[in-house]
Amino acid sequence: MSETTRELPASSARVAEAARRLGLTISIAVHDRPTRTAEEAAAACGTGVERIIKSLVFEGADTGRPYLLLVAGNNRVDEKKAAATLGEALRRPDAGKVRALTGYAIGGIPPFGHAETLQTFIDADLLAHDLVWAAAGTPTTVFPVDPRRLAEATGATAITVA
C-alpha cells in the first residue's frame, strides 16, 4: 500500500496518488542521502544499478512531441536507435522544459503522474527483473515496482535503447 501522504514530501505524495489512480500499489522510501543518480539510488536501495529506472525526457526534433524513456540505470540511450523506433530524431529539452512537462525536477522524475501526457517507452532490459526502483518525485525518494506492472499501468512500449 502507498505510504500516507502526510509522511511524504508533497512531490512524493503526488506520486503516491498517481500510482493509486493507475492501480499500482507502491511503498515510497524516503532516504537521508541522495538518490538523484542511478548509482546513488542503487547504493541507497541496496541493489544493482541495472535495477534502477532513469526517467529521461526527450522531444521530437521535428514535432517537439515529448517522450519519456524509462531506462535501466546501467544503459545509455542510443539516440539514433531510439529515433529509428520513435520515427523522428530526438533532442534533450532543458531542465526548465523537463520540469514544465513532468512537474518534477531532474533527479526525482517518476515514471508516471506528470503535468503533461508523455508517450512512454520502457527499456526492455528492465523487464528482465522482477523488481526495479524508480524516483518518487524528489532526489531522495524512490519506490520498488514490478517493471511489467509498471509498463502495463503506464501504457509503456518496450524498446531496446542501448
N, C-alpha and C. Protein backbone atom coordinates (compact mmCIF):
# COMPACT_ATOMS: atom_id res chain seq x y z
N MET A 1 0.85 -1.18 0.00
CA MET A 1 0.00 0.00 0.00
C MET A 1 0.88 1.23 0.00
N SER A 2 0.41 2.30 -0.60
CA SER A 2 1.16 3.56 -0.60
C SER A 2 1.25 4.11 0.81
N GLU A 3 2.37 4.73 1.09
CA GLU A 3 2.51 5.38 2.38
C GLU A 3 1.54 6.56 2.45
N THR A 4 1.19 6.96 3.65
CA THR A 4 0.26 8.07 3.77
C THR A 4 0.92 9.36 3.31
N THR A 5 0.13 10.23 2.71
CA THR A 5 0.67 11.45 2.12
C THR A 5 1.22 12.40 3.18
N ARG A 6 0.77 12.35 4.39
CA ARG A 6 1.28 13.28 5.41
C ARG A 6 2.72 12.95 5.79
N GLU A 7 3.19 11.73 5.54
CA GLU A 7 4.55 11.34 5.87
C GLU A 7 5.53 11.65 4.74
N LEU A 8 5.04 12.01 3.59
CA LEU A 8 5.87 12.18 2.41
C LEU A 8 6.03 13.64 2.01
N PRO A 9 7.13 13.98 1.35
CA PRO A 9 7.23 15.31 0.75
C PRO A 9 6.07 15.49 -0.23
N ALA A 10 5.65 16.71 -0.46
CA ALA A 10 4.49 16.98 -1.32
C ALA A 10 4.63 16.36 -2.71
N SER A 11 5.82 16.44 -3.30
CA SER A 11 6.03 15.86 -4.64
C SER A 11 5.84 14.34 -4.61
N SER A 12 6.30 13.70 -3.54
CA SER A 12 6.15 12.25 -3.42
C SER A 12 4.70 11.87 -3.15
N ALA A 13 3.99 12.71 -2.43
CA ALA A 13 2.57 12.45 -2.19
C ALA A 13 1.80 12.46 -3.53
N ARG A 14 2.21 13.35 -4.44
CA ARG A 14 1.58 13.37 -5.77
C ARG A 14 1.86 12.07 -6.52
N VAL A 15 3.07 11.54 -6.36
CA VAL A 15 3.43 10.27 -6.99
C VAL A 15 2.58 9.14 -6.41
N ALA A 16 2.43 9.11 -5.10
CA ALA A 16 1.62 8.08 -4.45
C ALA A 16 0.18 8.13 -4.95
N GLU A 17 -0.36 9.34 -5.09
CA GLU A 17 -1.73 9.48 -5.59
C GLU A 17 -1.84 9.05 -7.05
N ALA A 18 -0.85 9.40 -7.86
CA ALA A 18 -0.86 8.98 -9.28
C ALA A 18 -0.78 7.46 -9.38
N ALA A 19 0.02 6.83 -8.54
CA ALA A 19 0.11 5.37 -8.52
C ALA A 19 -1.25 4.77 -8.18
N ARG A 20 -1.90 5.32 -7.18
CA ARG A 20 -3.21 4.82 -6.78
C ARG A 20 -4.20 4.89 -7.94
N ARG A 21 -4.18 6.03 -8.67
CA ARG A 21 -5.09 6.20 -9.81
C ARG A 21 -4.80 5.19 -10.92
N LEU A 22 -3.53 4.78 -11.04
CA LEU A 22 -3.15 3.79 -12.05
C LEU A 22 -3.39 2.35 -11.59
N GLY A 23 -3.78 2.19 -10.33
CA GLY A 23 -3.99 0.85 -9.80
C GLY A 23 -2.71 0.17 -9.34
N LEU A 24 -1.66 0.96 -9.14
CA LEU A 24 -0.39 0.42 -8.65
C LEU A 24 -0.31 0.57 -7.14
N THR A 25 0.14 -0.45 -6.49
CA THR A 25 0.39 -0.40 -5.06
C THR A 25 1.88 -0.21 -4.86
N ILE A 26 2.25 0.95 -4.31
CA ILE A 26 3.68 1.23 -4.10
C ILE A 26 3.93 1.65 -2.66
N SER A 27 5.17 1.52 -2.25
CA SER A 27 5.61 1.99 -0.94
C SER A 27 6.83 2.87 -1.18
N ILE A 28 6.67 4.15 -0.92
CA ILE A 28 7.73 5.11 -1.19
C ILE A 28 8.69 5.16 -0.01
N ALA A 29 9.98 5.02 -0.32
CA ALA A 29 11.02 5.11 0.70
C ALA A 29 11.65 6.50 0.65
N VAL A 30 11.77 7.13 1.81
CA VAL A 30 12.42 8.43 1.93
C VAL A 30 13.81 8.17 2.51
N HIS A 31 14.83 8.56 1.75
CA HIS A 31 16.21 8.32 2.17
C HIS A 31 16.83 9.59 2.74
N ASP A 32 17.83 9.41 3.59
CA ASP A 32 18.55 10.56 4.16
C ASP A 32 19.77 10.92 3.33
N ARG A 33 19.96 10.22 2.21
CA ARG A 33 21.03 10.55 1.27
C ARG A 33 20.45 10.62 -0.14
N PRO A 34 21.13 11.29 -1.04
CA PRO A 34 20.57 11.48 -2.39
C PRO A 34 20.37 10.18 -3.16
N THR A 35 19.32 10.18 -3.98
CA THR A 35 19.04 9.10 -4.92
C THR A 35 18.88 9.68 -6.32
N ARG A 36 19.50 10.83 -6.54
CA ARG A 36 19.36 11.60 -7.78
C ARG A 36 19.90 10.84 -9.01
N THR A 37 21.04 10.16 -8.86
CA THR A 37 21.62 9.41 -9.98
C THR A 37 21.32 7.93 -9.80
N ALA A 38 21.48 7.18 -10.88
CA ALA A 38 21.25 5.73 -10.80
C ALA A 38 22.20 5.09 -9.78
N GLU A 39 23.43 5.54 -9.76
CA GLU A 39 24.41 4.98 -8.83
C GLU A 39 24.03 5.29 -7.38
N GLU A 40 23.61 6.53 -7.12
CA GLU A 40 23.19 6.90 -5.76
C GLU A 40 21.95 6.11 -5.34
N ALA A 41 21.00 5.98 -6.25
CA ALA A 41 19.78 5.24 -5.93
C ALA A 41 20.08 3.77 -5.66
N ALA A 42 20.96 3.17 -6.47
CA ALA A 42 21.32 1.77 -6.25
C ALA A 42 21.95 1.57 -4.88
N ALA A 43 22.87 2.46 -4.51
CA ALA A 43 23.52 2.37 -3.21
C ALA A 43 22.50 2.52 -2.08
N ALA A 44 21.60 3.49 -2.20
CA ALA A 44 20.60 3.71 -1.15
C ALA A 44 19.63 2.55 -1.03
N CYS A 45 19.31 1.90 -2.16
CA CYS A 45 18.33 0.81 -2.18
C CYS A 45 18.97 -0.55 -1.95
N GLY A 46 20.30 -0.62 -1.96
CA GLY A 46 20.97 -1.88 -1.77
C GLY A 46 20.77 -2.84 -2.95
N THR A 47 20.79 -2.29 -4.15
CA THR A 47 20.57 -3.10 -5.35
C THR A 47 21.58 -2.72 -6.43
N GLY A 48 21.53 -3.41 -7.54
CA GLY A 48 22.40 -3.10 -8.65
C GLY A 48 21.85 -1.97 -9.49
N VAL A 49 22.72 -1.22 -10.13
CA VAL A 49 22.32 -0.06 -10.93
C VAL A 49 21.41 -0.47 -12.09
N GLU A 50 21.52 -1.71 -12.55
CA GLU A 50 20.66 -2.19 -13.64
C GLU A 50 19.19 -2.31 -13.23
N ARG A 51 18.92 -2.23 -11.94
CA ARG A 51 17.54 -2.29 -11.43
C ARG A 51 16.97 -0.91 -11.09
N ILE A 52 17.69 0.12 -11.46
CA ILE A 52 17.23 1.50 -11.23
C ILE A 52 16.67 2.04 -12.53
N ILE A 53 15.52 2.68 -12.45
CA ILE A 53 14.91 3.31 -13.63
C ILE A 53 15.37 4.76 -13.70
N LYS A 54 15.91 5.13 -14.85
CA LYS A 54 16.18 6.53 -15.14
C LYS A 54 15.00 7.01 -15.99
N SER A 55 14.29 8.01 -15.54
CA SER A 55 13.18 8.60 -16.30
C SER A 55 13.73 9.76 -17.10
N LEU A 56 13.91 9.55 -18.41
CA LEU A 56 14.56 10.54 -19.27
C LEU A 56 13.55 11.12 -20.26
N VAL A 57 13.50 12.44 -20.31
CA VAL A 57 12.58 13.14 -21.20
C VAL A 57 13.32 13.59 -22.46
N PHE A 58 12.73 13.30 -23.59
CA PHE A 58 13.23 13.74 -24.89
C PHE A 58 12.11 14.44 -25.62
N GLU A 59 12.48 15.18 -26.66
CA GLU A 59 11.50 15.79 -27.55
C GLU A 59 11.81 15.36 -28.97
N GLY A 60 10.75 15.24 -29.78
CA GLY A 60 10.97 15.00 -31.19
C GLY A 60 11.59 16.24 -31.80
N ALA A 61 12.66 16.07 -32.55
CA ALA A 61 13.38 17.22 -33.14
C ALA A 61 12.51 17.97 -34.13
N ASP A 62 11.62 17.26 -34.82
CA ASP A 62 10.75 17.91 -35.81
C ASP A 62 9.42 18.35 -35.22
N THR A 63 8.82 17.49 -34.39
CA THR A 63 7.47 17.76 -33.89
C THR A 63 7.45 18.45 -32.55
N GLY A 64 8.52 18.34 -31.77
CA GLY A 64 8.52 18.87 -30.40
C GLY A 64 7.73 17.99 -29.44
N ARG A 65 7.23 16.87 -29.93
CA ARG A 65 6.43 15.96 -29.10
C ARG A 65 7.29 15.40 -27.97
N PRO A 66 6.78 15.41 -26.73
CA PRO A 66 7.56 14.89 -25.61
C PRO A 66 7.47 13.36 -25.52
N TYR A 67 8.59 12.76 -25.19
CA TYR A 67 8.69 11.32 -24.98
C TYR A 67 9.35 11.06 -23.64
N LEU A 68 8.88 10.04 -22.94
CA LEU A 68 9.51 9.61 -21.70
C LEU A 68 10.10 8.23 -21.95
N LEU A 69 11.40 8.12 -21.72
CA LEU A 69 12.09 6.84 -21.83
C LEU A 69 12.47 6.38 -20.43
N LEU A 70 11.97 5.22 -20.06
CA LEU A 70 12.31 4.61 -18.77
C LEU A 70 13.46 3.65 -19.04
N VAL A 71 14.64 4.03 -18.59
CA VAL A 71 15.88 3.37 -19.00
C VAL A 71 16.57 2.72 -17.80
N ALA A 72 17.09 1.52 -18.02
CA ALA A 72 17.87 0.85 -16.97
C ALA A 72 19.08 1.71 -16.60
N GLY A 73 19.37 1.79 -15.32
CA GLY A 73 20.43 2.65 -14.82
C GLY A 73 21.80 2.40 -15.39
N ASN A 74 22.05 1.19 -15.88
CA ASN A 74 23.36 0.88 -16.45
C ASN A 74 23.41 1.13 -17.96
N ASN A 75 22.31 1.56 -18.56
CA ASN A 75 22.27 1.79 -20.01
C ASN A 75 22.31 3.27 -20.35
N ARG A 76 22.90 3.56 -21.49
CA ARG A 76 22.86 4.90 -22.09
C ARG A 76 21.98 4.79 -23.32
N VAL A 77 21.16 5.80 -23.53
CA VAL A 77 20.27 5.79 -24.69
C VAL A 77 21.08 6.02 -25.96
N ASP A 78 20.95 5.11 -26.90
CA ASP A 78 21.48 5.29 -28.24
C ASP A 78 20.41 6.09 -28.98
N GLU A 79 20.63 7.41 -29.09
CA GLU A 79 19.59 8.29 -29.63
C GLU A 79 19.22 7.94 -31.07
N LYS A 80 20.17 7.47 -31.85
CA LYS A 80 19.85 7.09 -33.23
C LYS A 80 18.95 5.86 -33.26
N LYS A 81 19.25 4.89 -32.41
CA LYS A 81 18.41 3.69 -32.33
C LYS A 81 17.01 4.05 -31.83
N ALA A 82 16.94 4.87 -30.79
CA ALA A 82 15.64 5.29 -30.25
C ALA A 82 14.87 6.09 -31.30
N ALA A 83 15.55 6.97 -32.01
CA ALA A 83 14.90 7.78 -33.04
C ALA A 83 14.33 6.90 -34.14
N ALA A 84 15.04 5.84 -34.51
CA ALA A 84 14.53 4.93 -35.54
C ALA A 84 13.24 4.26 -35.07
N THR A 85 13.17 3.92 -33.79
CA THR A 85 11.97 3.31 -33.24
C THR A 85 10.83 4.31 -33.13
N LEU A 86 11.13 5.54 -32.70
CA LEU A 86 10.10 6.55 -32.49
C LEU A 86 9.68 7.25 -33.78
N GLY A 87 10.51 7.16 -34.80
CA GLY A 87 10.15 7.74 -36.08
C GLY A 87 10.58 9.17 -36.30
N GLU A 88 11.40 9.71 -35.41
CA GLU A 88 11.96 11.04 -35.59
C GLU A 88 13.18 11.22 -34.71
N ALA A 89 14.06 12.13 -35.14
CA ALA A 89 15.24 12.43 -34.36
C ALA A 89 14.83 13.02 -33.00
N LEU A 90 15.68 12.83 -32.02
CA LEU A 90 15.38 13.29 -30.67
C LEU A 90 16.35 14.37 -30.23
N ARG A 91 15.87 15.19 -29.30
CA ARG A 91 16.74 16.17 -28.65
C ARG A 91 16.35 16.19 -27.17
N ARG A 92 17.30 16.63 -26.35
CA ARG A 92 17.06 16.73 -24.92
C ARG A 92 16.59 18.14 -24.58
N PRO A 93 15.41 18.29 -24.01
CA PRO A 93 14.98 19.63 -23.59
C PRO A 93 15.76 20.09 -22.36
N ASP A 94 15.77 21.40 -22.12
CA ASP A 94 16.48 21.91 -20.94
C ASP A 94 15.69 21.58 -19.67
N ALA A 95 16.34 21.79 -18.53
CA ALA A 95 15.76 21.42 -17.24
C ALA A 95 14.42 22.11 -16.98
N GLY A 96 14.29 23.36 -17.41
CA GLY A 96 13.02 24.08 -17.22
C GLY A 96 11.88 23.44 -17.99
N LYS A 97 12.16 23.04 -19.20
CA LYS A 97 11.13 22.39 -20.03
C LYS A 97 10.77 21.03 -19.46
N VAL A 98 11.78 20.30 -18.98
CA VAL A 98 11.52 18.99 -18.37
C VAL A 98 10.61 19.15 -17.16
N ARG A 99 10.89 20.16 -16.34
CA ARG A 99 10.05 20.39 -15.16
C ARG A 99 8.63 20.78 -15.57
N ALA A 100 8.50 21.60 -16.61
CA ALA A 100 7.17 22.00 -17.08
C ALA A 100 6.38 20.80 -17.60
N LEU A 101 7.05 19.90 -18.30
CA LEU A 101 6.39 18.72 -18.86
C LEU A 101 6.01 17.70 -17.80
N THR A 102 6.90 17.53 -16.82
CA THR A 102 6.68 16.46 -15.83
C THR A 102 6.10 16.95 -14.51
N GLY A 103 6.42 18.19 -14.14
CA GLY A 103 6.04 18.68 -12.82
C GLY A 103 7.08 18.35 -11.76
N TYR A 104 8.21 17.79 -12.19
CA TYR A 104 9.26 17.36 -11.26
C TYR A 104 10.62 17.82 -11.77
N ALA A 105 11.55 18.00 -10.84
CA ALA A 105 12.93 18.36 -11.19
C ALA A 105 13.70 17.11 -11.61
N ILE A 106 14.66 17.31 -12.49
CA ILE A 106 15.54 16.21 -12.90
C ILE A 106 16.20 15.64 -11.64
N GLY A 107 16.26 14.33 -11.57
CA GLY A 107 16.81 13.65 -10.40
C GLY A 107 15.72 13.10 -9.50
N GLY A 108 14.47 13.48 -9.77
CA GLY A 108 13.34 12.97 -8.98
C GLY A 108 12.13 12.64 -9.84
N ILE A 109 12.31 12.58 -11.17
CA ILE A 109 11.18 12.37 -12.08
C ILE A 109 10.67 10.94 -11.97
N PRO A 110 9.41 10.78 -11.59
CA PRO A 110 8.83 9.44 -11.52
C PRO A 110 8.41 8.96 -12.92
N PRO A 111 8.07 7.69 -13.04
CA PRO A 111 7.68 7.15 -14.34
C PRO A 111 6.22 7.43 -14.73
N PHE A 112 5.49 8.15 -13.90
CA PHE A 112 4.08 8.48 -14.18
C PHE A 112 3.68 9.68 -13.33
N GLY A 113 2.45 10.16 -13.56
CA GLY A 113 1.94 11.27 -12.76
C GLY A 113 2.47 12.62 -13.18
N HIS A 114 2.70 12.80 -14.46
CA HIS A 114 3.31 14.03 -14.97
C HIS A 114 2.29 15.13 -15.25
N ALA A 115 2.79 16.35 -15.36
CA ALA A 115 1.94 17.50 -15.66
C ALA A 115 1.35 17.40 -17.06
N GLU A 116 2.10 16.85 -18.00
CA GLU A 116 1.66 16.66 -19.38
C GLU A 116 1.64 15.17 -19.69
N THR A 117 0.86 14.79 -20.67
CA THR A 117 0.85 13.40 -21.11
C THR A 117 2.10 13.16 -21.95
N LEU A 118 2.87 12.16 -21.58
CA LEU A 118 4.10 11.82 -22.27
C LEU A 118 3.98 10.41 -22.83
N GLN A 119 4.22 10.25 -24.12
CA GLN A 119 4.27 8.90 -24.67
C GLN A 119 5.45 8.21 -24.02
N THR A 120 5.23 7.03 -23.47
CA THR A 120 6.22 6.37 -22.62
C THR A 120 6.73 5.09 -23.25
N PHE A 121 8.05 4.91 -23.15
CA PHE A 121 8.74 3.72 -23.62
C PHE A 121 9.57 3.18 -22.47
N ILE A 122 9.64 1.86 -22.37
CA ILE A 122 10.43 1.24 -21.29
C ILE A 122 11.54 0.40 -21.91
N ASP A 123 12.72 0.54 -21.36
CA ASP A 123 13.89 -0.23 -21.76
C ASP A 123 13.58 -1.71 -21.53
N ALA A 124 13.69 -2.50 -22.59
CA ALA A 124 13.42 -3.93 -22.49
C ALA A 124 14.29 -4.60 -21.43
N ASP A 125 15.48 -4.06 -21.18
CA ASP A 125 16.37 -4.64 -20.17
C ASP A 125 15.74 -4.60 -18.78
N LEU A 126 14.90 -3.62 -18.50
CA LEU A 126 14.25 -3.54 -17.19
C LEU A 126 13.28 -4.70 -16.98
N LEU A 127 12.70 -5.19 -18.06
CA LEU A 127 11.69 -6.24 -17.96
C LEU A 127 12.29 -7.60 -17.59
N ALA A 128 13.61 -7.71 -17.56
CA ALA A 128 14.27 -8.95 -17.17
C ALA A 128 14.28 -9.13 -15.64
N HIS A 129 13.88 -8.09 -14.91
CA HIS A 129 13.91 -8.13 -13.45
C HIS A 129 12.51 -8.26 -12.88
N ASP A 130 12.42 -8.84 -11.69
CA ASP A 130 11.12 -8.94 -11.03
C ASP A 130 10.79 -7.67 -10.26
N LEU A 131 11.81 -6.88 -9.94
CA LEU A 131 11.61 -5.66 -9.17
C LEU A 131 12.66 -4.64 -9.58
N VAL A 132 12.21 -3.41 -9.81
CA VAL A 132 13.10 -2.30 -10.13
C VAL A 132 12.71 -1.12 -9.24
N TRP A 133 13.56 -0.10 -9.20
CA TRP A 133 13.32 1.06 -8.36
C TRP A 133 13.21 2.31 -9.22
N ALA A 134 12.26 3.16 -8.89
CA ALA A 134 12.04 4.41 -9.63
C ALA A 134 12.00 5.59 -8.68
N ALA A 135 12.31 6.77 -9.22
CA ALA A 135 12.23 8.01 -8.44
C ALA A 135 10.78 8.29 -8.07
N ALA A 136 10.60 8.92 -6.93
CA ALA A 136 9.26 9.20 -6.41
C ALA A 136 9.05 10.69 -6.18
N GLY A 137 9.55 11.52 -7.10
CA GLY A 137 9.22 12.94 -7.04
C GLY A 137 10.23 13.86 -6.42
N THR A 138 11.21 13.30 -5.72
CA THR A 138 12.28 14.13 -5.13
C THR A 138 13.60 13.39 -5.31
N PRO A 139 14.72 14.08 -5.12
CA PRO A 139 16.02 13.42 -5.24
C PRO A 139 16.41 12.57 -4.04
N THR A 140 15.46 12.28 -3.14
CA THR A 140 15.74 11.39 -2.00
C THR A 140 14.63 10.37 -1.78
N THR A 141 13.69 10.26 -2.74
CA THR A 141 12.59 9.30 -2.57
C THR A 141 12.52 8.37 -3.77
N VAL A 142 12.28 7.09 -3.48
CA VAL A 142 12.19 6.05 -4.51
C VAL A 142 11.15 5.02 -4.11
N PHE A 143 10.76 4.20 -5.08
CA PHE A 143 9.84 3.10 -4.76
C PHE A 143 10.17 1.90 -5.64
N PRO A 144 9.98 0.69 -5.10
CA PRO A 144 10.14 -0.51 -5.90
C PRO A 144 8.85 -0.83 -6.64
N VAL A 145 9.00 -1.45 -7.81
CA VAL A 145 7.83 -1.79 -8.61
C VAL A 145 8.19 -2.93 -9.55
N ASP A 146 7.21 -3.76 -9.86
CA ASP A 146 7.38 -4.80 -10.88
C ASP A 146 7.38 -4.08 -12.23
N PRO A 147 8.44 -4.21 -13.02
CA PRO A 147 8.52 -3.44 -14.26
C PRO A 147 7.43 -3.81 -15.28
N ARG A 148 6.96 -5.05 -15.25
CA ARG A 148 5.88 -5.43 -16.17
C ARG A 148 4.57 -4.75 -15.77
N ARG A 149 4.32 -4.67 -14.47
CA ARG A 149 3.11 -3.97 -13.99
C ARG A 149 3.21 -2.49 -14.30
N LEU A 150 4.41 -1.92 -14.14
CA LEU A 150 4.63 -0.52 -14.45
C LEU A 150 4.36 -0.25 -15.93
N ALA A 151 4.91 -1.09 -16.80
CA ALA A 151 4.70 -0.91 -18.24
C ALA A 151 3.22 -1.00 -18.59
N GLU A 152 2.54 -1.95 -17.99
CA GLU A 152 1.11 -2.12 -18.24
C GLU A 152 0.32 -0.89 -17.77
N ALA A 153 0.59 -0.44 -16.56
CA ALA A 153 -0.15 0.67 -15.97
C ALA A 153 0.08 1.99 -16.71
N THR A 154 1.28 2.17 -17.24
CA THR A 154 1.61 3.44 -17.92
C THR A 154 1.40 3.37 -19.43
N GLY A 155 1.11 2.18 -19.94
CA GLY A 155 0.96 2.03 -21.38
C GLY A 155 2.29 2.14 -22.11
N ALA A 156 3.39 1.83 -21.40
CA ALA A 156 4.73 1.96 -21.98
C ALA A 156 4.98 0.85 -23.01
N THR A 157 5.63 1.23 -24.07
CA THR A 157 6.05 0.29 -25.11
C THR A 157 7.49 -0.12 -24.83
N ALA A 158 7.76 -1.42 -24.84
CA ALA A 158 9.12 -1.91 -24.60
C ALA A 158 9.96 -1.69 -25.86
N ILE A 159 11.16 -1.12 -25.67
CA ILE A 159 12.09 -0.90 -26.77
C ILE A 159 13.51 -1.21 -26.29
N THR A 160 14.40 -1.39 -27.24
CA THR A 160 15.82 -1.53 -26.94
C THR A 160 16.44 -0.14 -27.07
N VAL A 161 17.08 0.34 -26.01
CA VAL A 161 17.59 1.71 -26.03
C VAL A 161 19.11 1.78 -26.16
N ALA A 162 19.81 0.73 -25.79
CA ALA A 162 21.28 0.77 -25.80
C ALA A 162 21.84 0.07 -27.03
